[in-house]
Amino acid sequence: MDAPHILLVDDDERLRQLLTRFLSEQGMQVTAASDAADARRKLSYFLYDAAIVDVMMPGENGIQLTQSIKQSGDLPVLMLTAMSEVEDRVAGLESGADDYLPKPFEPRELILRLRNVMKRTTPIAGAGNTDDAAFGEYLFDMDRLQLTRRGDVVALTMSEAMLLKELARRMGEAVSRSELARSTQGEAANERSVDMLITRLRRKVEPDASRPVHILTIRGEGYMLRG
């Protein structure tokens, strides 16, 4: 299997060097870019398996770059944010980022999250259907984190897929916003991000997102996926 090719975009030269060395030691091929313009040039002549994008950069920021990446394809994006900047994390998910990692972070967590966002683009050989969840016209494979509608794949970001998995795992049961935040975001849990992800999911699976029939709001309790 070829080494995953990662695009690393960060204006901090020291961090770029450290992450490039660490990712390389983990068996990954890394192309580093110092800003969004540099990243765009490198996106034009290389294919990548995932991108790591810092939010705060001079000129075009990471959120704008991620929006552009997602508009032109489905490259998984892991966004790096400042720990105290909740708005950055929410805006990052709104831009289409598959996951985010607050700074400072442990390199091992970076690898874990990076591998997770890449999983959804790699079919799992021999994956069974014992963990499928059905609702309406949709089928969600909880092993592969793949959602289909009448056989057609519905594109989900990793954060959306992980949230849907938690709801599907407890189909018909109200799941609190705090539980959903912890299960999808770990220690960086943010309930506002859950609300935003629910809104995004509804746009993809509801006939009318303003009047949901699949992903329901249970007043005072949280959200529920109805089969």
C-alpha atoms as a PDB file:
ATOM      1  CA  MET A   1       0.000   0.000   0.000  1.00  0.00           C
ATOM      2  CA  ASP A   2       1.371   3.442  -0.921  1.00  0.00           C
ATOM      3  CA  ALA A   3       2.202   5.870   1.851  1.00  0.00           C
ATOM      4  CA  PRO A   4      -0.617   8.399   2.433  1.00  0.00           C
ATOM      5  CA  HIS A   5       0.224  11.783   0.933  1.00  0.00           C
ATOM      6  CA  ILE A   6      -0.592  14.639   3.317  1.00  0.00           C
ATOM      7  CA  LEU A   7      -0.768  18.348   2.495  1.00  0.00           C
ATOM      8  CA  LEU A   8       0.336  20.350   5.547  1.00  0.00           C
ATOM      9  CA  VAL A   9      -0.601  24.049   5.498  1.00  0.00           C
ATOM     10  CA  ASP A  10       0.737  26.260   8.299  1.00  0.00           C
ATOM     11  CA  ASP A  11       2.588  29.567   8.322  1.00  0.00           C
ATOM     12  CA  ASP A  12       4.630  28.568  11.400  1.00  0.00           C
ATOM     13  CA  GLU A  13       7.885  27.274   9.915  1.00  0.00           C
ATOM     14  CA  ARG A  14       8.996  25.532  13.098  1.00  0.00           C
ATOM     15  CA  LEU A  15       5.685  23.672  13.436  1.00  0.00           C
ATOM     16  CA  ARG A  16       5.768  22.717   9.746  1.00  0.00           C
ATOM     17  CA  GLN A  17       9.207  21.198  10.201  1.00  0.00           C
ATOM     18  CA  LEU A  18       8.235  19.332  13.379  1.00  0.00           C
ATOM     19  CA  LEU A  19       5.020  17.933  11.897  1.00  0.00           C
ATOM     20  CA  THR A  20       6.690  17.023   8.631  1.00  0.00           C
ATOM     21  CA  ARG A  21       9.312  15.030  10.485  1.00  0.00           C
ATOM     22  CA  PHE A  22       6.763  13.381  12.779  1.00  0.00           C
ATOM     23  CA  LEU A  23       4.353  12.445   9.983  1.00  0.00           C
ATOM     24  CA  SER A  24       7.220  11.107   7.903  1.00  0.00           C
ATOM     25  CA  GLU A  25       8.296   8.929  10.836  1.00  0.00           C
ATOM     26  CA  GLN A  26       4.751   7.532  10.851  1.00  0.00           C
ATOM     27  CA  GLY A  27       5.168   6.385   7.251  1.00  0.00           C
ATOM     28  CA  MET A  28       3.436   9.295   5.535  1.00  0.00           C
ATOM     29  CA  GLN A  29       4.551  11.416   2.601  1.00  0.00           C
ATOM     30  CA  VAL A  30       4.260  15.119   3.419  1.00  0.00           C
ATOM     31  CA  THR A  31       4.102  18.196   1.219  1.00  0.00           C
ATOM     32  CA  ALA A  32       4.267  21.401   3.272  1.00  0.00           C
ATOM     33  CA  ALA A  33       2.832  24.788   2.298  1.00  0.00           C
ATOM     34  CA  SER A  34       3.456  28.073   4.097  1.00  0.00           C
ATOM     35  CA  ASP A  35       0.130  29.713   3.242  1.00  0.00           C
ATOM     36  CA  ALA A  36      -3.074  29.257   1.249  1.00  0.00           C
ATOM     37  CA  ALA A  37      -1.578  30.514  -2.009  1.00  0.00           C
ATOM     38  CA  ASP A  38       1.283  28.030  -1.706  1.00  0.00           C
ATOM     39  CA  ALA A  39      -1.220  25.282  -0.883  1.00  0.00           C
ATOM     40  CA  ARG A  40      -3.291  26.076  -3.986  1.00  0.00           C
ATOM     41  CA  ARG A  41      -0.239  25.728  -6.198  1.00  0.00           C
ATOM     42  CA  LYS A  42       0.599  22.362  -4.696  1.00  0.00           C
ATOM     43  CA  LEU A  43      -3.005  21.186  -4.903  1.00  0.00           C
ATOM     44  CA  SER A  44      -2.867  21.831  -8.636  1.00  0.00           C
ATOM     45  CA  TYR A  45      -0.095  19.350  -9.331  1.00  0.00           C
ATOM     46  CA  PHE A  46      -0.272  16.698  -6.592  1.00  0.00           C
ATOM     47  CA  LEU A  47      -2.977  14.330  -5.389  1.00  0.00           C
ATOM     48  CA  TYR A  48      -3.409  14.049  -1.634  1.00  0.00           C
ATOM     49  CA  ASP A  49      -5.082  11.674   0.799  1.00  0.00           C
ATOM     50  CA  ALA A  50      -5.772  14.385   3.404  1.00  0.00           C
ATOM     51  CA  ALA A  51      -4.902  17.959   4.340  1.00  0.00           C
ATOM     52  CA  ILE A  52      -3.938  19.486   7.677  1.00  0.00           C
ATOM     53  CA  VAL A  53      -4.862  23.176   7.632  1.00  0.00           C
ATOM     54  CA  ASP A  54      -4.168  25.825  10.266  1.00  0.00           C
ATOM     55  CA  VAL A  55      -6.939  28.376  10.816  1.00  0.00           C
ATOM     56  CA  MET A  56      -4.843  31.461  11.477  1.00  0.00           C
ATOM     57  CA  MET A  57      -2.672  32.356   8.495  1.00  0.00           C
ATOM     58  CA  PRO A  58      -1.824  35.682   6.852  1.00  0.00           C
ATOM     59  CA  GLY A  59      -3.892  36.530   3.790  1.00  0.00           C
ATOM     60  CA  GLU A  60      -6.420  33.847   3.011  1.00  0.00           C
ATOM     61  CA  ASN A  61      -7.096  31.975   6.241  1.00  0.00           C
ATOM     62  CA  GLY A  62      -7.571  28.262   6.776  1.00  0.00           C
ATOM     63  CA  ILE A  63     -11.360  28.459   6.870  1.00  0.00           C
ATOM     64  CA  GLN A  64     -11.481  30.112   3.440  1.00  0.00           C
ATOM     65  CA  LEU A  65      -9.007  27.608   2.041  1.00  0.00           C
ATOM     66  CA  THR A  66     -11.020  24.677   3.428  1.00  0.00           C
ATOM     67  CA  GLN A  67     -14.214  26.027   1.875  1.00  0.00           C
ATOM     68  CA  SER A  68     -12.462  26.181  -1.472  1.00  0.00           C
ATOM     69  CA  ILE A  69     -11.048  22.657  -1.103  1.00  0.00           C
ATOM     70  CA  LYS A  70     -14.478  21.250  -0.294  1.00  0.00           C
ATOM     71  CA  GLN A  71     -16.149  23.072  -3.175  1.00  0.00           C
ATOM     72  CA  SER A  72     -13.780  21.481  -5.671  1.00  0.00           C
ATOM     73  CA  GLY A  73     -13.632  17.954  -4.245  1.00  0.00           C
ATOM     74  CA  ASP A  74     -13.861  15.807  -1.156  1.00  0.00           C
ATOM     75  CA  LEU A  75     -10.331  15.844   0.216  1.00  0.00           C
ATOM     76  CA  PRO A  76     -10.486  15.107   3.974  1.00  0.00           C
ATOM     77  CA  VAL A  77      -9.407  18.161   5.996  1.00  0.00           C
ATOM     78  CA  LEU A  78      -8.182  18.198   9.591  1.00  0.00           C
ATOM     79  CA  MET A  79      -8.182  21.763  10.889  1.00  0.00           C
ATOM     80  CA  LEU A  80      -5.814  23.078  13.559  1.00  0.00           C
ATOM     81  CA  THR A  81      -7.312  25.719  15.870  1.00  0.00           C
ATOM     82  CA  ALA A  82      -6.310  27.687  18.935  1.00  0.00           C
ATOM     83  CA  MET A  83      -7.725  25.991  22.029  1.00  0.00           C
ATOM     84  CA  SER A  84      -9.436  29.133  23.369  1.00  0.00           C
ATOM     85  CA  GLU A  85     -11.047  30.132  20.091  1.00  0.00           C
ATOM     86  CA  VAL A  86     -14.397  28.316  20.113  1.00  0.00           C
ATOM     87  CA  GLU A  87     -15.610  30.421  17.207  1.00  0.00           C
ATOM     88  CA  ASP A  88     -12.733  29.097  15.096  1.00  0.00           C
ATOM     89  CA  ARG A  89     -13.783  25.521  15.752  1.00  0.00           C
ATOM     90  CA  VAL A  90     -17.419  26.195  14.891  1.00  0.00           C
ATOM     91  CA  ALA A  91     -16.466  28.134  11.769  1.00  0.00           C
ATOM     92  CA  GLY A  92     -14.060  25.364  10.795  1.00  0.00           C
ATOM     93  CA  LEU A  93     -16.796  22.741  10.863  1.00  0.00           C
ATOM     94  CA  GLU A  94     -19.132  25.086   9.015  1.00  0.00           C
ATOM     95  CA  SER A  95     -16.504  25.407   6.281  1.00  0.00           C
ATOM     96  CA  GLY A  96     -16.652  21.639   5.731  1.00  0.00           C
ATOM     97  CA  ALA A  97     -13.649  20.518   7.780  1.00  0.00           C
ATOM     98  CA  ASP A  98     -13.903  16.833   8.689  1.00  0.00           C
ATOM     99  CA  ASP A  99     -12.415  17.310  12.139  1.00  0.00           C
ATOM    100  CA  TYR A 100     -10.453  19.824  14.177  1.00  0.00           C
ATOM    101  CA  LEU A 101      -7.651  19.623  16.685  1.00  0.00           C
ATOM    102  CA  PRO A 102      -7.082  22.385  19.264  1.00  0.00           C
ATOM    103  CA  LYS A 103      -3.566  23.676  19.841  1.00  0.00           C
ATOM    104  CA  PRO A 104      -1.452  22.685  21.674  1.00  0.00           C
ATOM    105  CA  PHE A 105      -1.918  19.012  20.880  1.00  0.00           C
ATOM    106  CA  GLU A 106      -0.205  15.680  21.335  1.00  0.00           C
ATOM    107  CA  PRO A 107       1.325  14.386  18.085  1.00  0.00           C
ATOM    108  CA  ARG A 108      -0.226  10.970  18.740  1.00  0.00           C
ATOM    109  CA  GLU A 109      -3.688  12.524  18.794  1.00  0.00           C
ATOM    110  CA  LEU A 110      -2.941  14.235  15.487  1.00  0.00           C
ATOM    111  CA  ILE A 111      -2.103  10.862  13.924  1.00  0.00           C
ATOM    112  CA  LEU A 112      -5.239   9.248  15.351  1.00  0.00           C
ATOM    113  CA  ARG A 113      -7.534  11.993  14.072  1.00  0.00           C
ATOM    114  CA  LEU A 114      -5.771  12.116  10.714  1.00  0.00           C
ATOM    115  CA  ARG A 115      -6.156   8.380  10.207  1.00  0.00           C
ATOM    116  CA  ASN A 116      -9.807   8.600  11.201  1.00  0.00           C
ATOM    117  CA  VAL A 117     -10.622  11.271   8.616  1.00  0.00           C
ATOM    118  CA  MET A 118      -8.879   9.209   5.940  1.00  0.00           C
ATOM    119  CA  LYS A 119     -10.806   6.037   6.790  1.00  0.00           C
ATOM    120  CA  ARG A 120     -13.998   7.184   5.113  1.00  0.00           C
ATOM    121  CA  THR A 121     -12.254   7.372   1.728  1.00  0.00           C
ATOM    122  CA  THR A 122     -10.861   3.836   2.022  1.00  0.00           C
ATOM    123  CA  PRO A 123     -13.390   1.005   1.552  1.00  0.00           C
ATOM    124  CA  ILE A 124     -13.064  -1.758   4.110  1.00  0.00           C
ATOM    125  CA  ALA A 125     -12.654  -5.105   2.378  1.00  0.00           C
ATOM    126  CA  GLY A 126     -15.235  -7.654   3.415  1.00  0.00           C
ATOM    127  CA  ALA A 127     -17.183  -5.205   5.551  1.00  0.00           C
ATOM    128  CA  GLY A 128     -20.447  -6.784   6.590  1.00  0.00           C
ATOM    129  CA  ASN A 129     -23.853  -5.220   6.999  1.00  0.00           C
ATOM    130  CA  THR A 130     -24.615  -6.311  10.561  1.00  0.00           C
ATOM    131  CA  ASP A 131     -24.108  -2.764  11.819  1.00  0.00           C
ATOM    132  CA  ASP A 132     -26.286  -1.013   9.263  1.00  0.00           C
ATOM    133  CA  ALA A 133     -28.913   1.446  10.473  1.00  0.00           C
ATOM    134  CA  ALA A 134     -31.917   2.190   8.247  1.00  0.00           C
ATOM    135  CA  PHE A 135     -34.096   5.292   8.371  1.00  0.00           C
ATOM    136  CA  GLY A 136     -36.415   6.468   5.632  1.00  0.00           C
ATOM    137  CA  GLU A 137     -34.703   5.928   2.262  1.00  0.00           C
ATOM    138  CA  TYR A 138     -31.267   5.884   3.893  1.00  0.00           C
ATOM    139  CA  LEU A 139     -28.896   3.143   5.008  1.00  0.00           C
ATOM    140  CA  PHE A 140     -25.951   3.970   7.240  1.00  0.00           C
ATOM    141  CA  ASP A 141     -23.054   1.520   7.490  1.00  0.00           C
ATOM    142  CA  MET A 142     -21.632   2.171  10.943  1.00  0.00           C
ATOM    143  CA  ASP A 143     -18.430   0.236  10.242  1.00  0.00           C
ATOM    144  CA  ARG A 144     -17.531   2.103   7.073  1.00  0.00           C
ATOM    145  CA  LEU A 145     -19.214   5.344   8.184  1.00  0.00           C
ATOM    146  CA  GLN A 146     -20.955   5.400   4.815  1.00  0.00           C
ATOM    147  CA  LEU A 147     -24.446   6.766   4.202  1.00  0.00           C
ATOM    148  CA  THR A 148     -26.389   5.751   1.099  1.00  0.00           C
ATOM    149  CA  ARG A 149     -29.769   6.696  -0.317  1.00  0.00           C
ATOM    150  CA  ARG A 150     -31.233   4.062  -2.627  1.00  0.00           C
ATOM    151  CA  GLY A 151     -27.705   2.830  -3.254  1.00  0.00           C
ATOM    152  CA  ASP A 152     -26.192   6.263  -3.957  1.00  0.00           C
ATOM    153  CA  VAL A 153     -23.513   7.465  -1.540  1.00  0.00           C
ATOM    154  CA  VAL A 154     -24.302  10.638   0.397  1.00  0.00           C
ATOM    155  CA  ALA A 155     -21.100  12.585   1.094  1.00  0.00           C
ATOM    156  CA  LEU A 156     -20.460  13.141   4.801  1.00  0.00           C
ATOM    157  CA  THR A 157     -17.574  14.769   6.584  1.00  0.00           C
ATOM    158  CA  MET A 158     -15.958  12.681   9.317  1.00  0.00           C
ATOM    159  CA  SER A 159     -17.566  14.834  12.033  1.00  0.00           C
ATOM    160  CA  GLU A 160     -21.001  14.379  10.457  1.00  0.00           C
ATOM    161  CA  ALA A 161     -20.459  10.630  10.111  1.00  0.00           C
ATOM    162  CA  MET A 162     -19.330  10.241  13.725  1.00  0.00           C
ATOM    163  CA  LEU A 163     -22.351  12.184  14.971  1.00  0.00           C
ATOM    164  CA  LEU A 164     -24.704  10.115  12.826  1.00  0.00           C
ATOM    165  CA  LYS A 165     -23.061   6.940  14.116  1.00  0.00           C
ATOM    166  CA  GLU A 166     -23.773   7.914  17.711  1.00  0.00           C
ATOM    167  CA  LEU A 167     -27.402   8.703  16.882  1.00  0.00           C
ATOM    168  CA  ALA A 168     -27.774   5.493  14.848  1.00  0.00           C
ATOM    169  CA  ARG A 169     -26.202   3.425  17.602  1.00  0.00           C
ATOM    170  CA  ARG A 170     -28.995   4.636  19.883  1.00  0.00           C
ATOM    171  CA  MET A 171     -31.780   4.731  17.301  1.00  0.00           C
ATOM    172  CA  GLY A 172     -35.094   5.870  18.771  1.00  0.00           C
ATOM    173  CA  GLU A 173     -33.428   7.194  21.925  1.00  0.00           C
ATOM    174  CA  ALA A 174     -32.836  10.821  22.839  1.00  0.00           C
ATOM    175  CA  VAL A 175     -29.108  11.584  23.088  1.00  0.00           C
ATOM    176  CA  SER A 176     -28.061  14.720  24.946  1.00  0.00           C
ATOM    177  CA  ARG A 177     -26.030  17.430  23.251  1.00  0.00           C
ATOM    178  CA  SER A 178     -23.243  16.971  25.819  1.00  0.00           C
ATOM    179  CA  GLU A 179     -23.039  13.222  25.091  1.00  0.00           C
ATOM    180  CA  LEU A 180     -22.935  13.860  21.370  1.00  0.00           C
ATOM    181  CA  ALA A 181     -20.236  16.482  21.853  1.00  0.00           C
ATOM    182  CA  ARG A 182     -18.056  14.130  23.914  1.00  0.00           C
ATOM    183  CA  SER A 183     -18.505  11.171  21.575  1.00  0.00           C
ATOM    184  CA  THR A 184     -17.574  13.164  18.466  1.00  0.00           C
ATOM    185  CA  GLN A 185     -15.083  15.703  19.829  1.00  0.00           C
ATOM    186  CA  GLY A 186     -13.523  14.190  22.947  1.00  0.00           C
ATOM    187  CA  GLU A 187     -11.988  16.610  25.405  1.00  0.00           C
ATOM    188  CA  ALA A 188     -12.545  19.540  23.038  1.00  0.00           C
ATOM    189  CA  ALA A 189     -16.319  19.000  23.308  1.00  0.00           C
ATOM    190  CA  ASN A 190     -18.413  21.954  22.210  1.00  0.00           C
ATOM    191  CA  GLU A 191     -22.210  21.709  22.223  1.00  0.00           C
ATOM    192  CA  ARG A 192     -22.577  24.546  19.711  1.00  0.00           C
ATOM    193  CA  SER A 193     -20.670  22.439  17.208  1.00  0.00           C
ATOM    194  CA  VAL A 194     -23.212  19.651  17.724  1.00  0.00           C
ATOM    195  CA  ASP A 195     -26.086  21.969  16.820  1.00  0.00           C
ATOM    196  CA  MET A 196     -24.265  23.077  13.698  1.00  0.00           C
ATOM    197  CA  LEU A 197     -23.510  19.482  12.668  1.00  0.00           C
ATOM    198  CA  ILE A 198     -27.163  18.526  13.199  1.00  0.00           C
ATOM    199  CA  THR A 199     -28.171  21.387  10.905  1.00  0.00           C
ATOM    200  CA  ARG A 200     -25.741  20.157   8.240  1.00  0.00           C
ATOM    201  CA  LEU A 201     -26.933  16.564   8.533  1.00  0.00           C
ATOM    202  CA  ARG A 202     -30.561  17.618   8.240  1.00  0.00           C
ATOM    203  CA  ARG A 203     -29.812  19.435   5.001  1.00  0.00           C
ATOM    204  CA  LYS A 204     -28.497  16.157   3.618  1.00  0.00           C
ATOM    205  CA  VAL A 205     -31.152  13.697   4.828  1.00  0.00           C
ATOM    206  CA  GLU A 206     -34.373  15.597   5.444  1.00  0.00           C
ATOM    207  CA  PRO A 207     -36.965  16.319   2.720  1.00  0.00           C
ATOM    208  CA  ASP A 208     -37.428  19.686   4.466  1.00  0.00           C
ATOM    209  CA  ALA A 209     -34.658  20.583   6.902  1.00  0.00           C
ATOM    210  CA  SER A 210     -36.942  23.083   8.667  1.00  0.00           C
ATOM    211  CA  ARG A 211     -39.414  20.282   9.436  1.00  0.00           C
ATOM    212  CA  PRO A 212     -37.241  17.239  10.217  1.00  0.00           C
ATOM    213  CA  VAL A 213     -38.727  13.748  10.238  1.00  0.00           C
ATOM    214  CA  HIS A 214     -35.527  11.714  10.730  1.00  0.00           C
ATOM    215  CA  ILE A 215     -33.304  13.703  13.100  1.00  0.00           C
ATOM    216  CA  LEU A 216     -35.618  15.078  15.755  1.00  0.00           C
ATOM    217  CA  THR A 217     -35.071  17.643  18.481  1.00  0.00           C
ATOM    218  CA  ILE A 218     -36.332  16.296  21.798  1.00  0.00           C
ATOM    219  CA  ARG A 219     -36.977  19.331  23.953  1.00  0.00           C
ATOM    220  CA  GLY A 220     -34.900  19.314  27.114  1.00  0.00           C
ATOM    221  CA  GLU A 221     -33.209  16.029  26.194  1.00  0.00           C
ATOM    222  CA  GLY A 222     -31.229  16.382  22.965  1.00  0.00           C
ATOM    223  CA  TYR A 223     -31.562  14.777  19.544  1.00  0.00           C
ATOM    224  CA  MET A 224     -32.954  11.473  18.318  1.00  0.00           C
ATOM    225  CA  LEU A 225     -32.675   9.532  15.071  1.00  0.00           C
ATOM    226  CA  ARG A 226     -36.015   7.990  14.124  1.00  0.00           C
ATOM    227  CA  GLY A 227     -36.088   4.921  11.922  1.00  0.00           C
END
